[in-house]
Protein backbone atom coordinates (compact mmCIF):
# COMPACT_ATOMS: atom_id res chain seq x y z
CA UNK A 1 0.16 0.28 0.06
CA UNK A 2 1.55 3.37 -0.71
CA UNK A 3 2.11 5.79 1.63
CA UNK A 4 -0.33 8.50 -0.06
CA UNK A 5 -2.86 5.98 -0.02
CA UNK A 6 -2.36 5.53 4.10
CA UNK A 7 -2.07 9.27 4.67
CA UNK A 8 -5.42 9.52 2.89
CA UNK A 9 -6.66 6.78 5.00
CA UNK A 10 -5.81 8.30 8.39
CA UNK A 11 -6.94 12.14 7.35
CA UNK A 12 -10.17 10.58 6.42
CA UNK A 13 -9.99 8.56 9.97
CA UNK A 14 -9.18 11.94 11.68
CA UNK A 15 -11.84 13.96 10.15
CA UNK A 16 -14.34 11.49 10.80
CA UNK A 17 -13.72 10.86 14.63
CA UNK A 18 -13.70 14.80 14.93
CA UNK A 19 -16.73 15.25 12.92
CA UNK A 20 -18.61 12.79 15.45
CA UNK A 21 -17.29 13.91 18.32
CA UNK A 22 -17.79 17.59 17.67
CA UNK A 23 -21.87 16.46 16.49
CA UNK A 24 -22.33 14.62 19.94
CA UNK A 25 -21.05 17.04 22.16
CA UNK A 26 -24.00 18.95 23.92
CA UNK A 27 -23.17 22.41 22.60
CA UNK A 28 -25.38 25.10 20.32
CA UNK A 29 -25.84 24.78 16.61
CA UNK A 30 -23.79 27.62 16.07
CA UNK A 31 -20.82 26.51 18.46
CA UNK A 32 -21.08 22.90 16.34
CA UNK A 33 -20.59 25.02 13.47
CA UNK A 34 -17.83 26.87 14.04
CA UNK A 35 -16.15 23.95 15.31
CA UNK A 36 -16.73 21.97 12.36
CA UNK A 37 -15.40 25.01 10.04
CA UNK A 38 -12.29 25.05 12.55
CA UNK A 39 -11.42 21.71 12.29
CA UNK A 40 -11.79 21.68 8.60
CA UNK A 41 -9.71 24.54 7.80
CA UNK A 42 -6.96 22.61 10.17
CA UNK A 43 -7.45 19.49 8.15
CA UNK A 44 -7.06 21.66 5.00
CA UNK A 45 -3.45 23.07 5.95
CA UNK A 46 -2.53 19.60 7.23
CA UNK A 47 -3.18 18.27 3.74
CA UNK A 48 -1.95 21.13 2.18
CA UNK A 49 1.53 21.28 4.00
CA UNK A 50 2.12 17.30 3.43
CA UNK A 51 1.39 17.95 -0.29
CA UNK A 52 3.71 20.67 -0.46
CA UNK A 53 6.54 18.48 0.87
CA UNK A 54 5.46 16.18 -0.92
CA UNK A 55 5.60 17.81 -4.60
CA UNK A 56 9.20 19.65 -3.10
CA UNK A 57 10.61 16.05 -2.69
CA UNK A 58 9.57 15.15 -6.24
CA UNK A 59 10.62 18.71 -7.39
CA UNK A 60 14.59 17.91 -5.70
CA UNK A 61 14.69 14.28 -6.75
CA UNK A 62 13.51 15.47 -10.55
CA UNK A 63 16.76 18.03 -10.04
CA UNK A 64 19.15 15.42 -8.73
CA UNK A 65 18.15 13.45 -12.09
CA UNK A 66 18.41 16.24 -14.39
CA UNK A 67 21.84 17.22 -13.16
CA UNK A 68 22.94 13.18 -13.21
CA UNK A 69 21.91 13.19 -16.74
CA UNK A 70 23.44 16.55 -17.76
CA UNK A 71 26.70 15.00 -16.43
CA UNK A 72 26.45 11.79 -18.23
CA UNK A 73 25.78 13.78 -21.21
CA UNK A 74 28.72 16.05 -20.61
CA UNK A 75 31.15 13.04 -20.32
CA UNK A 76 30.34 11.22 -22.90
CA UNK A 77 30.36 14.53 -25.30
CA UNK A 78 34.08 14.89 -23.78
CA UNK A 79 34.78 10.67 -24.68
CA UNK A 80 33.75 12.01 -28.19
CA UNK A 81 35.48 14.53 -28.76
CA UNK A 82 38.76 12.69 -27.07
CA UNK A 83 38.18 10.21 -29.85
CA UNK A 84 38.07 12.52 -32.39
CA UNK A 85 40.85 14.04 -31.43
CA UNK A 86 42.92 11.01 -31.24
CA UNK A 87 41.72 9.79 -34.52
CA UNK A 88 42.82 12.77 -36.25
CA UNK A 89 46.06 12.98 -34.96
CA UNK A 90 46.46 9.22 -35.98
């Protein structure tokens, strides 16, 4: 099971638990609605932070791969140039 699915399941469980807890609390309707909104905003912010972290991690990995490909291309071009230079002197 992927980490994304596990994270989504955990967030859904937390949201459901918080919602059930708030709905069964003996508060006024306006207070209950405010609490639901607050919890929803908290969960949305948490999900956004996790998503941004994941995107940042993926971008870092992409940059490393690009760098590796660039280095390999430079090395290959150096080898080609070296071979061409050695052939022309023979």
